[in-house]
N, C-alpha and C. Protein backbone atom coordinates (compact mmCIF):
# COMPACT_ATOMS: atom_id res chain seq x y z
N MET A 1 18.57 -5.33 -3.16
CA MET A 1 19.61 -5.38 -4.54
C MET A 1 19.07 -4.37 -5.63
N LEU A 2 19.19 -3.48 -6.34
CA LEU A 2 18.23 -3.01 -7.60
C LEU A 2 19.91 -2.93 -7.96
N LEU A 3 19.38 -3.42 -9.49
CA LEU A 3 20.16 -3.51 -10.74
C LEU A 3 20.04 -2.45 -11.15
N LEU A 4 20.66 -1.77 -11.75
CA LEU A 4 19.67 -0.21 -12.72
C LEU A 4 21.22 -0.98 -14.14
N ASP A 5 20.51 -0.76 -15.23
CA ASP A 5 21.76 -0.84 -16.70
C ASP A 5 21.17 0.47 -17.06
N GLU A 6 21.90 1.21 -17.18
CA GLU A 6 21.87 2.84 -18.00
C GLU A 6 20.45 2.93 -17.42
N PRO A 7 20.16 3.62 -16.28
CA PRO A 7 18.60 4.54 -16.31
C PRO A 7 18.68 5.45 -16.36
N THR A 8 19.47 6.43 -17.26
CA THR A 8 19.67 7.21 -17.49
C THR A 8 19.96 7.73 -18.94
N SER A 9 19.79 6.70 -19.57
CA SER A 9 19.91 6.79 -21.37
C SER A 9 18.83 7.37 -21.72
N GLY A 10 19.29 8.47 -22.91
CA GLY A 10 17.98 9.10 -23.07
C GLY A 10 17.13 9.88 -22.49
N LEU A 11 18.10 9.92 -21.61
CA LEU A 11 16.90 11.30 -20.44
C LEU A 11 17.95 12.39 -21.09
N ASP A 12 17.32 13.83 -20.98
CA ASP A 12 17.77 14.64 -21.12
C ASP A 12 18.95 15.63 -19.28
N SER A 13 19.46 16.46 -19.15
CA SER A 13 20.11 16.12 -18.22
C SER A 13 19.60 16.61 -16.43
N ALA A 14 18.33 17.18 -17.05
CA ALA A 14 17.72 17.37 -15.52
C ALA A 14 16.86 16.51 -15.37
N SER A 15 16.72 15.12 -16.14
CA SER A 15 15.71 14.36 -16.14
C SER A 15 16.45 13.37 -15.24
N ALA A 16 17.63 13.13 -15.83
CA ALA A 16 19.08 11.84 -15.92
C ALA A 16 19.05 12.63 -13.64
N TYR A 17 20.08 13.98 -13.69
CA TYR A 17 20.21 14.38 -12.36
C TYR A 17 18.22 14.01 -11.47
N SER A 18 17.56 13.93 -11.81
CA SER A 18 16.21 13.99 -10.51
C SER A 18 16.31 12.47 -10.57
N VAL A 19 16.31 11.55 -11.78
CA VAL A 19 16.84 9.84 -11.54
C VAL A 19 17.89 9.65 -10.76
N MET A 20 19.10 9.99 -10.50
CA MET A 20 20.19 9.95 -9.74
C MET A 20 19.61 10.55 -8.79
N LEU A 21 19.37 11.23 -8.51
CA LEU A 21 18.46 11.84 -6.70
C LEU A 21 17.68 11.10 -6.27
N ARG A 22 17.13 10.34 -6.67
CA ARG A 22 16.02 9.50 -6.26
C ARG A 22 16.67 8.29 -6.18
N LEU A 23 17.59 7.90 -6.71
CA LEU A 23 18.59 6.54 -6.48
C LEU A 23 19.45 6.68 -5.33
N GLN A 24 19.82 7.89 -5.16
CA GLN A 24 21.18 8.10 -3.80
C GLN A 24 19.63 8.28 -2.65
N ALA A 25 18.84 9.07 -3.11
CA ALA A 25 18.19 8.36 -1.49
C ALA A 25 17.44 7.35 -0.95
N MET A 26 17.37 6.31 -2.25
CA MET A 26 16.93 5.21 -2.32
C MET A 26 18.55 4.65 -1.38
N ALA A 27 19.53 5.14 -2.14
CA ALA A 27 21.02 4.13 -1.31
C ALA A 27 20.94 4.60 -0.05
N LYS A 28 20.66 5.91 1.13
CA LYS A 28 20.51 6.74 1.67
C LYS A 28 20.02 6.22 2.94
N ALA A 29 18.48 5.36 2.64
CA ALA A 29 17.63 4.99 2.71
C ALA A 29 18.00 3.72 3.57
N GLY A 30 19.37 2.87 2.92
CA GLY A 30 19.04 1.81 3.22
C GLY A 30 19.41 0.48 2.36
N HIS A 31 18.67 0.46 1.17
CA HIS A 31 18.46 -0.21 0.03
C HIS A 31 19.70 0.13 -0.92
N ALA A 32 20.21 -1.02 -1.22
CA ALA A 32 21.83 -2.26 -1.39
C ALA A 32 21.19 -1.51 -3.30
N ILE A 33 21.97 -0.44 -4.24
CA ILE A 33 21.60 -0.06 -5.44
C ILE A 33 22.45 0.13 -6.32
N MET A 34 23.19 -0.65 -7.83
CA MET A 34 24.05 -0.51 -8.76
C MET A 34 23.46 -0.61 -10.23
N CYS A 35 23.78 0.28 -9.90
CA CYS A 35 23.60 0.37 -11.71
C CYS A 35 25.46 1.09 -12.45
N THR A 36 25.19 0.44 -14.47
CA THR A 36 25.87 0.92 -15.58
C THR A 36 25.11 2.29 -15.18
N ILE A 37 26.31 3.30 -15.67
CA ILE A 37 25.89 4.95 -16.14
C ILE A 37 27.53 5.11 -17.34
N HIS A 38 26.87 5.42 -18.59
CA HIS A 38 28.19 5.19 -19.52
C HIS A 38 28.03 6.83 -19.65
N GLN A 39 29.46 7.49 -19.10
CA GLN A 39 29.72 8.95 -19.79
C GLN A 39 29.08 9.66 -18.78
N PRO A 40 28.89 9.40 -17.23
CA PRO A 40 27.96 10.23 -16.58
C PRO A 40 28.64 12.18 -16.79
N SER A 41 27.43 12.63 -16.71
CA SER A 41 28.10 14.60 -16.54
C SER A 41 28.90 14.50 -14.48
N SER A 42 29.34 15.40 -14.82
CA SER A 42 29.69 15.83 -13.93
C SER A 42 28.98 16.41 -12.21
N GLU A 43 28.15 16.81 -13.05
CA GLU A 43 26.86 16.91 -11.80
C GLU A 43 26.31 15.05 -11.46
N LEU A 44 26.31 14.46 -11.88
CA LEU A 44 25.91 12.60 -12.00
C LEU A 44 27.30 12.19 -11.30
N TRP A 45 28.27 12.31 -11.47
CA TRP A 45 29.21 11.73 -10.72
C TRP A 45 29.72 12.41 -9.38
N SER A 46 28.94 13.68 -9.43
CA SER A 46 29.52 13.95 -7.59
C SER A 46 27.96 13.67 -7.15
N LEU A 47 26.99 12.74 -7.40
CA LEU A 47 26.36 11.82 -6.56
C LEU A 47 26.67 10.69 -6.23
N PHE A 48 27.87 10.13 -6.88
CA PHE A 48 27.64 8.47 -6.35
C PHE A 48 29.03 8.78 -5.35
N ASP A 49 28.42 7.24 -4.69
CA ASP A 49 29.27 7.02 -3.11
C ASP A 49 30.30 6.42 -3.74
N LYS A 50 30.18 4.83 -4.32
CA LYS A 50 31.37 3.89 -5.05
C LYS A 50 31.63 4.33 -6.25
N PHE A 51 32.93 3.86 -7.06
CA PHE A 51 32.75 3.36 -8.28
C PHE A 51 33.74 2.21 -8.79
N ILE A 52 33.26 1.99 -10.17
CA ILE A 52 34.21 0.40 -10.20
C ILE A 52 34.31 1.01 -11.76
N LEU A 53 35.67 0.72 -12.22
CA LEU A 53 36.07 0.96 -13.35
C LEU A 53 36.14 -0.42 -14.59
N LEU A 54 35.18 -0.95 -14.89
CA LEU A 54 35.88 -1.68 -15.85
C LEU A 54 36.00 -1.13 -17.17
N SER A 55 37.88 -2.09 -17.83
CA SER A 55 38.01 -2.67 -19.12
C SER A 55 38.43 -3.98 -19.30
N GLY A 56 37.68 -4.05 -20.86
CA GLY A 56 38.03 -5.52 -21.08
C GLY A 56 38.35 -6.59 -20.17
N GLY A 57 37.84 -6.22 -19.69
CA GLY A 57 37.15 -8.15 -18.39
C GLY A 57 37.85 -7.98 -16.75
N HIS A 58 38.84 -6.81 -17.32
CA HIS A 58 39.93 -6.35 -15.27
C HIS A 58 39.32 -5.25 -14.80
N THR A 59 39.55 -5.14 -13.73
CA THR A 59 39.25 -3.94 -12.91
C THR A 59 40.13 -3.19 -12.92
N ILE A 60 39.95 -2.22 -13.63
CA ILE A 60 40.45 -0.84 -13.33
C ILE A 60 40.52 -0.16 -11.87
N TYR A 61 39.94 0.58 -11.18
CA TYR A 61 39.47 0.48 -9.78
C TYR A 61 38.49 0.79 -9.54
N ASN A 62 38.81 -0.04 -8.13
CA ASN A 62 37.24 0.15 -7.25
C ASN A 62 37.39 0.40 -5.83
N GLY A 63 35.76 1.17 -6.08
CA GLY A 63 37.04 2.56 -4.34
C GLY A 63 35.46 3.41 -4.45
N ARG A 64 35.90 4.05 -3.15
CA ARG A 64 35.41 5.07 -3.38
C ARG A 64 34.93 6.84 -4.10
N ALA A 65 33.88 6.68 -4.92
CA ALA A 65 33.85 7.83 -5.96
C ALA A 65 34.91 8.62 -6.33
N ASP A 66 34.96 9.85 -4.32
CA ASP A 66 36.23 11.01 -4.38
C ASP A 66 36.83 10.83 -4.26
N HIS A 67 37.59 9.08 -4.20
CA HIS A 67 38.70 9.33 -4.24
C HIS A 67 39.58 8.69 -5.55
N THR A 68 39.35 9.14 -6.69
CA THR A 68 39.29 8.46 -8.04
C THR A 68 40.35 8.96 -8.62
N VAL A 69 40.02 10.56 -8.66
CA VAL A 69 41.53 11.47 -8.79
C VAL A 69 41.99 10.95 -8.38
N GLN A 70 42.58 10.93 -7.07
CA GLN A 70 43.93 10.65 -6.22
C GLN A 70 44.07 10.07 -6.67
N TYR A 71 43.28 8.47 -7.00
CA TYR A 71 44.24 7.60 -7.27
C TYR A 71 44.84 7.61 -8.97
N PHE A 72 44.13 7.67 -9.14
CA PHE A 72 44.66 8.25 -10.85
C PHE A 72 45.96 9.01 -11.05
N GLY A 73 46.01 10.31 -9.86
CA GLY A 73 46.74 10.68 -9.73
C GLY A 73 48.29 10.47 -9.27
N ASN A 74 47.95 9.50 -8.31
CA ASN A 74 49.24 8.97 -7.72
C ASN A 74 49.66 8.01 -8.79
N LEU A 75 48.63 7.20 -9.54
CA LEU A 75 48.86 6.73 -11.10
C LEU A 75 50.07 7.37 -12.04
N GLY A 76 50.75 8.77 -11.94
CA GLY A 76 50.90 9.19 -13.18
C GLY A 76 49.51 9.76 -13.81
N HIS A 77 48.76 9.81 -13.50
CA HIS A 77 47.48 10.89 -14.54
C HIS A 77 46.80 11.52 -13.89
N ALA A 78 46.92 12.86 -13.66
CA ALA A 78 46.76 13.84 -13.05
C ALA A 78 45.62 14.63 -13.64
N CYS A 79 44.32 14.16 -12.93
CA CYS A 79 43.44 15.08 -13.93
C CYS A 79 43.07 16.18 -14.09
N PRO A 80 42.98 16.60 -15.07
CA PRO A 80 43.07 18.20 -14.86
C PRO A 80 42.02 19.03 -14.41
N VAL A 81 42.06 20.21 -14.00
CA VAL A 81 41.31 21.21 -12.81
C VAL A 81 39.91 20.89 -14.07
N ALA A 82 38.80 21.25 -13.42
CA ALA A 82 37.49 21.56 -13.49
C ALA A 82 36.76 20.71 -15.44
N TYR A 83 37.72 19.26 -15.03
CA TYR A 83 37.38 18.21 -16.13
C TYR A 83 36.56 17.15 -15.17
N ASN A 84 35.69 16.75 -16.27
CA ASN A 84 34.80 15.72 -16.15
C ASN A 84 35.90 14.04 -14.97
N PRO A 85 35.73 13.87 -13.85
CA PRO A 85 36.53 12.82 -13.90
C PRO A 85 36.72 11.36 -14.54
N ALA A 86 34.74 11.27 -14.59
CA ALA A 86 34.62 9.91 -15.11
C ALA A 86 34.32 10.41 -16.73
N ASP A 87 35.11 11.05 -17.80
CA ASP A 87 35.37 11.15 -18.71
C ASP A 87 36.63 11.20 -19.11
N TYR A 88 37.99 11.76 -17.82
CA TYR A 88 39.12 11.09 -17.81
C TYR A 88 39.61 9.95 -17.40
N VAL A 89 38.76 9.47 -16.72
CA VAL A 89 38.73 7.89 -16.29
C VAL A 89 38.36 7.23 -17.88
N LEU A 90 38.30 7.39 -18.38
CA LEU A 90 37.45 6.38 -19.20
C LEU A 90 38.22 6.97 -20.60
N ALA A 91 38.92 7.52 -20.76
CA ALA A 91 39.72 8.32 -21.82
C ALA A 91 41.02 7.18 -21.98
N LEU A 92 41.50 6.87 -20.05
CA LEU A 92 42.07 6.14 -19.64
C LEU A 92 42.38 4.32 -20.50
N VAL A 93 41.18 4.59 -20.66
CA VAL A 93 41.46 2.98 -20.93
C VAL A 93 40.31 2.85 -22.03
N ASN A 94 41.07 3.56 -22.85
CA ASN A 94 39.79 3.21 -23.66
C ASN A 94 40.90 3.52 -25.09
N GLN A 95 41.21 2.43 -26.42
CA GLN A 95 41.47 2.83 -26.98
C GLN A 95 41.82 3.82 -28.15
N ASP A 96 40.91 3.69 -28.16
CA ASP A 96 40.38 5.33 -29.05
C ASP A 96 41.10 6.35 -28.59
N PHE A 97 41.55 6.79 -27.94
CA PHE A 97 42.56 7.46 -27.21
C PHE A 97 43.77 7.63 -26.93
N PRO A 98 44.55 6.88 -27.92
CA PRO A 98 45.92 6.35 -27.77
C PRO A 98 47.00 7.58 -27.20
N ASP A 99 46.43 8.97 -26.98
CA ASP A 99 47.30 9.59 -25.83
C ASP A 99 47.36 9.50 -24.46
N ARG A 100 46.18 9.07 -24.38
CA ARG A 100 45.93 8.95 -23.14
C ARG A 100 45.63 7.14 -22.72
N TYR A 101 46.07 6.37 -23.92
CA TYR A 101 45.13 4.87 -22.65
C TYR A 101 46.57 4.45 -21.97
N ASP A 102 46.39 3.79 -21.45
CA ASP A 102 46.88 2.82 -20.78
C ASP A 102 47.20 1.56 -20.07
N ASP A 103 47.31 0.54 -21.11
CA ASP A 103 47.25 -0.55 -21.01
C ASP A 103 47.64 -1.44 -19.29
N SER A 104 48.74 -0.12 -19.15
CA SER A 104 48.94 -1.24 -17.43
C SER A 104 48.50 -1.02 -16.13
N LEU A 105 47.01 -0.66 -16.08
CA LEU A 105 45.96 -0.05 -15.73
C LEU A 105 45.87 -1.61 -14.95
N PRO A 106 45.24 -2.39 -15.70
CA PRO A 106 44.58 -3.69 -14.76
C PRO A 106 45.77 -4.23 -13.94
N GLY A 107 47.19 -4.04 -13.99
CA GLY A 107 47.66 -4.72 -13.72
C GLY A 107 48.54 -4.16 -12.52
N LYS A 108 48.14 -2.43 -12.69
CA LYS A 108 48.08 -1.62 -11.05
C LYS A 108 47.20 -1.87 -10.17
N TYR A 109 46.41 -1.95 -10.46
CA TYR A 109 44.87 -2.19 -9.95
C TYR A 109 45.39 -3.41 -8.76
N THR A 110 45.60 -4.47 -9.43
CA THR A 110 45.53 -5.53 -8.71
C THR A 110 46.71 -5.69 -8.19
N GLU A 111 47.39 -4.05 -8.27
CA GLU A 111 48.69 -5.06 -6.84
C GLU A 111 48.51 -3.36 -5.99
N SER A 112 47.09 -3.02 -5.89
CA SER A 112 46.79 -1.70 -5.31
C SER A 112 46.51 -2.64 -3.25
N GLU A 113 46.32 -1.45 -3.16
CA GLU A 113 45.93 -1.22 -1.23
C GLU A 113 44.40 -1.57 -1.62
N GLN A 114 43.65 -0.75 -2.34
CA GLN A 114 42.03 -1.16 -2.86
C GLN A 114 41.79 -2.42 -3.14
N ARG A 115 42.38 -2.71 -4.46
CA ARG A 115 41.88 -4.08 -4.31
C ARG A 115 42.15 -5.43 -2.81
N SER A 116 43.50 -5.13 -2.01
CA SER A 116 43.86 -5.83 -1.13
C SER A 116 42.65 -5.57 0.11
N ALA A 117 42.50 -3.97 0.02
CA ALA A 117 40.83 -3.62 0.79
C ALA A 117 39.83 -4.07 0.79
N THR A 118 39.89 -4.78 -0.71
CA THR A 118 38.09 -5.18 -0.58
C THR A 118 38.43 -7.25 -0.35
N LEU A 119 39.46 -7.19 -1.03
CA LEU A 119 39.82 -9.06 -1.21
C LEU A 119 39.79 -9.54 0.93
N ALA A 120 39.99 -8.13 1.72
CA ALA A 120 39.85 -8.61 3.18
C ALA A 120 38.81 -8.43 3.19
N ALA A 121 37.49 -7.12 2.86
CA ALA A 121 35.78 -7.04 3.04
C ALA A 121 35.57 -8.12 3.46
N VAL A 122 35.76 -8.56 1.64
CA VAL A 122 34.98 -9.72 1.65
C VAL A 122 35.29 -10.80 1.48
N ALA A 123 36.42 -11.26 2.47
CA ALA A 123 36.60 -12.41 3.80
C ALA A 123 35.83 -12.61 4.35
N GLU A 124 36.02 -10.86 4.80
CA GLU A 124 35.64 -11.48 6.13
C GLU A 124 34.16 -10.97 6.45
N ALA A 125 33.76 -10.99 5.48
CA ALA A 125 32.36 -11.49 4.87
C ALA A 125 31.80 -13.12 5.32
N ILE A 126 31.90 -13.09 4.23
CA ILE A 126 31.99 -14.50 4.46
C ILE A 126 32.74 -15.55 5.58
N GLU A 127 33.03 -15.38 6.48
CA GLU A 127 33.15 -15.31 7.23
C GLU A 127 31.94 -14.95 8.41
N ALA A 128 31.80 -13.92 8.61
CA ALA A 128 30.71 -13.19 9.24
C ALA A 128 29.36 -14.05 8.98
N GLY A 129 29.51 -14.20 7.62
CA GLY A 129 27.87 -15.50 7.09
C GLY A 129 27.94 -16.85 7.65
N LYS A 130 29.29 -17.90 6.87
CA LYS A 130 29.48 -18.16 8.10
C LYS A 130 29.35 -18.81 9.64
N ALA A 131 30.03 -17.96 10.58
CA ALA A 131 29.73 -17.76 11.78
C ALA A 131 28.00 -17.67 12.17
N ASN A 132 27.09 -16.93 11.35
CA ASN A 132 25.88 -16.70 12.15
C ASN A 132 24.62 -17.37 10.72
N PRO A 133 24.97 -19.02 10.26
CA PRO A 133 24.02 -18.65 8.76
C PRO A 133 22.11 -19.18 9.52
N ILE A 134 21.35 -17.96 8.27
CA ILE A 134 20.43 -18.01 8.62
C ILE A 134 19.50 -19.88 9.11
N ASP A 135 18.97 -19.37 9.51
CA ASP A 135 18.50 -20.82 9.96
C ASP A 135 16.97 -20.77 9.21
N GLY A 136 16.29 -21.60 8.82
CA GLY A 136 14.92 -22.01 8.42
C GLY A 136 14.44 -20.78 6.61
N VAL A 137 16.04 -21.05 5.79
CA VAL A 137 16.09 -20.12 4.96
C VAL A 137 14.60 -20.42 4.17
N ALA A 138 13.88 -21.83 3.95
CA ALA A 138 12.82 -21.64 3.42
C ALA A 138 11.48 -21.04 3.94
N ASP A 139 11.57 -20.57 5.71
CA ASP A 139 11.20 -19.52 6.03
C ASP A 139 10.71 -18.27 5.28
N TYR A 140 11.64 -17.71 4.63
CA TYR A 140 11.92 -15.92 3.85
C TYR A 140 11.18 -16.09 2.84
N GLY A 141 11.03 -17.51 2.79
CA GLY A 141 10.23 -17.66 1.03
C GLY A 141 8.80 -17.56 0.95
N LEU A 142 7.70 -17.09 0.06
CA LEU A 142 6.01 -17.10 0.49
C LEU A 142 5.88 -18.30 0.34
N LYS A 143 4.82 -18.76 1.51
CA LYS A 143 4.23 -20.18 1.48
C LYS A 143 3.32 -20.08 -0.46
N PRO A 144 3.21 -21.42 -0.77
CA PRO A 144 2.18 -21.47 -1.49
C PRO A 144 0.47 -20.86 -1.18
N ILE A 145 0.05 -20.41 0.13
CA ILE A 145 -1.19 -19.77 -0.55
C ILE A 145 -1.31 -18.27 -0.49
N SER A 146 -0.02 -17.92 -0.30
CA SER A 146 0.45 -16.85 -0.13
C SER A 146 1.28 -16.38 -1.37
N THR A 147 1.63 -16.96 -1.66
CA THR A 147 2.21 -16.61 -3.63
C THR A 147 0.34 -17.07 -3.99
N PHE A 148 -0.01 -17.57 -4.24
CA PHE A 148 -1.31 -18.09 -4.63
C PHE A 148 -2.41 -16.85 -4.96
N VAL A 149 -2.77 -15.83 -3.31
CA VAL A 149 -3.59 -15.41 -2.65
C VAL A 149 -2.28 -14.17 -3.66
N THR A 150 -1.49 -13.53 -3.90
CA THR A 150 -0.42 -12.64 -3.98
C THR A 150 -0.45 -12.65 -5.82
N LEU A 151 -0.59 -13.95 -6.01
CA LEU A 151 -0.46 -13.69 -7.87
C LEU A 151 -2.36 -13.27 -8.19
N SER A 152 -3.44 -14.04 -7.45
CA SER A 152 -4.88 -13.89 -8.10
C SER A 152 -4.95 -12.49 -7.77
N HIS A 153 -4.64 -11.60 -6.77
CA HIS A 153 -4.57 -10.59 -6.90
C HIS A 153 -4.27 -9.43 -7.60
N ARG A 154 -2.83 -9.61 -8.26
CA ARG A 154 -2.29 -8.65 -9.31
C ARG A 154 -3.19 -9.40 -10.34
N PHE A 155 -3.34 -10.42 -10.36
CA PHE A 155 -4.29 -11.07 -11.53
C PHE A 155 -5.15 -10.51 -12.05
N LEU A 156 -6.24 -9.81 -10.68
CA LEU A 156 -7.69 -9.71 -11.08
C LEU A 156 -7.27 -8.06 -10.65
N LEU A 157 -6.31 -7.42 -10.30
CA LEU A 157 -6.46 -6.06 -10.42
C LEU A 157 -5.21 -5.31 -11.59
N ASN A 158 -5.15 -5.99 -12.59
CA ASN A 158 -4.75 -6.08 -13.96
C ASN A 158 -5.55 -6.03 -14.34
N ASN A 159 -6.70 -7.06 -14.71
CA ASN A 159 -7.56 -7.25 -15.49
C ASN A 159 -8.58 -5.74 -15.14
N ALA A 160 -8.24 -5.63 -13.84
CA ALA A 160 -9.38 -4.50 -13.07
C ALA A 160 -8.98 -3.11 -13.95
N ARG A 161 -7.44 -3.39 -13.97
CA ARG A 161 -7.04 -1.83 -14.38
C ARG A 161 -7.27 -1.67 -16.15
N ASN A 162 -6.98 -2.62 -17.24
CA ASN A 162 -6.67 -3.45 -18.48
C ASN A 162 -8.16 -4.19 -18.75
N PRO A 163 -9.68 -3.73 -18.68
CA PRO A 163 -10.09 -5.14 -18.75
C PRO A 163 -11.20 -5.38 -20.39
N GLY A 164 -10.24 -3.86 -21.40
CA GLY A 164 -9.79 -5.05 -23.14
C GLY A 164 -9.22 -5.81 -22.88
N ILE A 165 -7.60 -5.86 -22.24
CA ILE A 165 -6.87 -7.35 -22.59
C ILE A 165 -7.46 -8.48 -22.11
N TYR A 166 -7.44 -8.07 -20.87
CA TYR A 166 -8.71 -9.62 -19.99
C TYR A 166 -10.00 -9.93 -21.42
N TRP A 167 -11.01 -9.16 -22.14
CA TRP A 167 -12.11 -9.84 -22.81
C TRP A 167 -11.08 -10.34 -24.56
N VAL A 168 -9.53 -9.41 -24.82
CA VAL A 168 -9.41 -10.43 -25.94
C VAL A 168 -8.23 -11.92 -25.21
N ARG A 169 -8.20 -11.58 -24.32
CA ARG A 169 -7.40 -13.06 -23.73
C ARG A 169 -8.48 -14.36 -23.99
N ARG A 170 -9.88 -13.39 -23.16
CA ARG A 170 -10.67 -14.46 -23.36
C ARG A 170 -11.49 -15.57 -24.18
N MET A 171 -11.67 -14.43 -25.38
CA MET A 171 -11.75 -14.21 -26.62
C MET A 171 -10.50 -15.74 -27.41
N LEU A 172 -9.96 -15.25 -27.19
CA LEU A 172 -8.31 -16.14 -27.41
C LEU A 172 -8.57 -17.77 -27.05
N THR A 173 -8.95 -17.34 -25.87
CA THR A 173 -8.76 -18.78 -25.37
C THR A 173 -10.08 -19.46 -25.69
N TYR A 174 -11.27 -19.47 -26.07
CA TYR A 174 -12.05 -19.83 -26.57
C TYR A 174 -11.93 -19.74 -28.55
N ALA A 175 -11.45 -19.20 -28.84
CA ALA A 175 -11.44 -19.84 -30.06
C ALA A 175 -10.07 -20.01 -30.91
N LEU A 176 -9.37 -20.47 -29.76
CA LEU A 176 -8.33 -21.17 -30.57
C LEU A 176 -8.38 -22.42 -30.61
N PRO A 177 -9.26 -22.73 -29.70
CA PRO A 177 -9.08 -23.65 -29.62
C PRO A 177 -10.49 -25.14 -31.18
N TYR A 178 -11.42 -23.93 -30.61
CA TYR A 178 -12.68 -23.85 -32.23
C TYR A 178 -10.96 -24.18 -33.49
N LYS A 179 -10.64 -22.97 -33.73
CA LYS A 179 -9.73 -22.73 -34.78
C LYS A 179 -9.25 -23.47 -35.46
N TYR A 180 -8.43 -24.59 -34.46
CA TYR A 180 -7.46 -25.83 -34.85
C TYR A 180 -8.24 -26.77 -34.71
N GLN A 181 -8.81 -27.12 -34.28
CA GLN A 181 -10.50 -28.35 -34.74
C GLN A 181 -10.67 -28.17 -36.26
N LEU A 182 -11.00 -26.54 -36.66
CA LEU A 182 -11.76 -26.36 -38.07
C LEU A 182 -10.63 -27.23 -38.92
N THR A 183 -9.64 -26.13 -38.40
CA THR A 183 -8.15 -26.20 -39.16
C THR A 183 -7.54 -27.74 -39.37
N LYS A 184 -8.02 -29.04 -38.59
CA LYS A 184 -7.62 -30.18 -38.31
C LYS A 184 -8.46 -30.55 -39.62
N LEU A 185 -10.04 -30.86 -39.66
CA LEU A 185 -11.13 -30.97 -40.28
C LEU A 185 -10.52 -30.82 -42.02
N LEU A 186 -10.01 -29.05 -42.20
CA LEU A 186 -9.95 -29.18 -43.61
C LEU A 186 -9.17 -29.45 -44.43
N TYR A 187 -8.07 -30.12 -43.47
CA TYR A 187 -6.59 -30.47 -43.36
C TYR A 187 -6.95 -32.06 -43.04
N SER A 188 -7.98 -32.45 -43.15
CA SER A 188 -7.72 -34.14 -42.37
C SER A 188 -8.36 -34.86 -44.01
């Protein structure tokens, strides 16, 4: 699972779109990807498969992104035509917009079909996991020799790519004990 915290922050719209297209391609290839996006553009919104809206520690919506407008429309909050759905639903849960803010939304989600379906899917996944436990979980981890070889390879590769850092570390390794001894002699 790849967890990303605002991967589009600080990017222009073209770069943000490019990043999200790459993430979408990875998701379609079978990778699980979860990211936080604050106020995505309409263009980015169209790339989302699933959407979770949280506010004040409560789940407001959890489901398919393309069903978001319909869900909130059924609750009496019709999104205006040609309006960014992300901006609209964020205004519904943001107290800074008192004319659109709806404090009853967490309770409505608690009673919704989306929540019931999510809980049923989680319960089913838990049961399926109990029925088919992974045998020999330790076999999935790296063996000590594999870990040593992998870390040694990375260390050597890093030193080859950054020889200046290597020599600075090497000098510090030898210089610090002498400095410590000198300081100890001077202040004893």
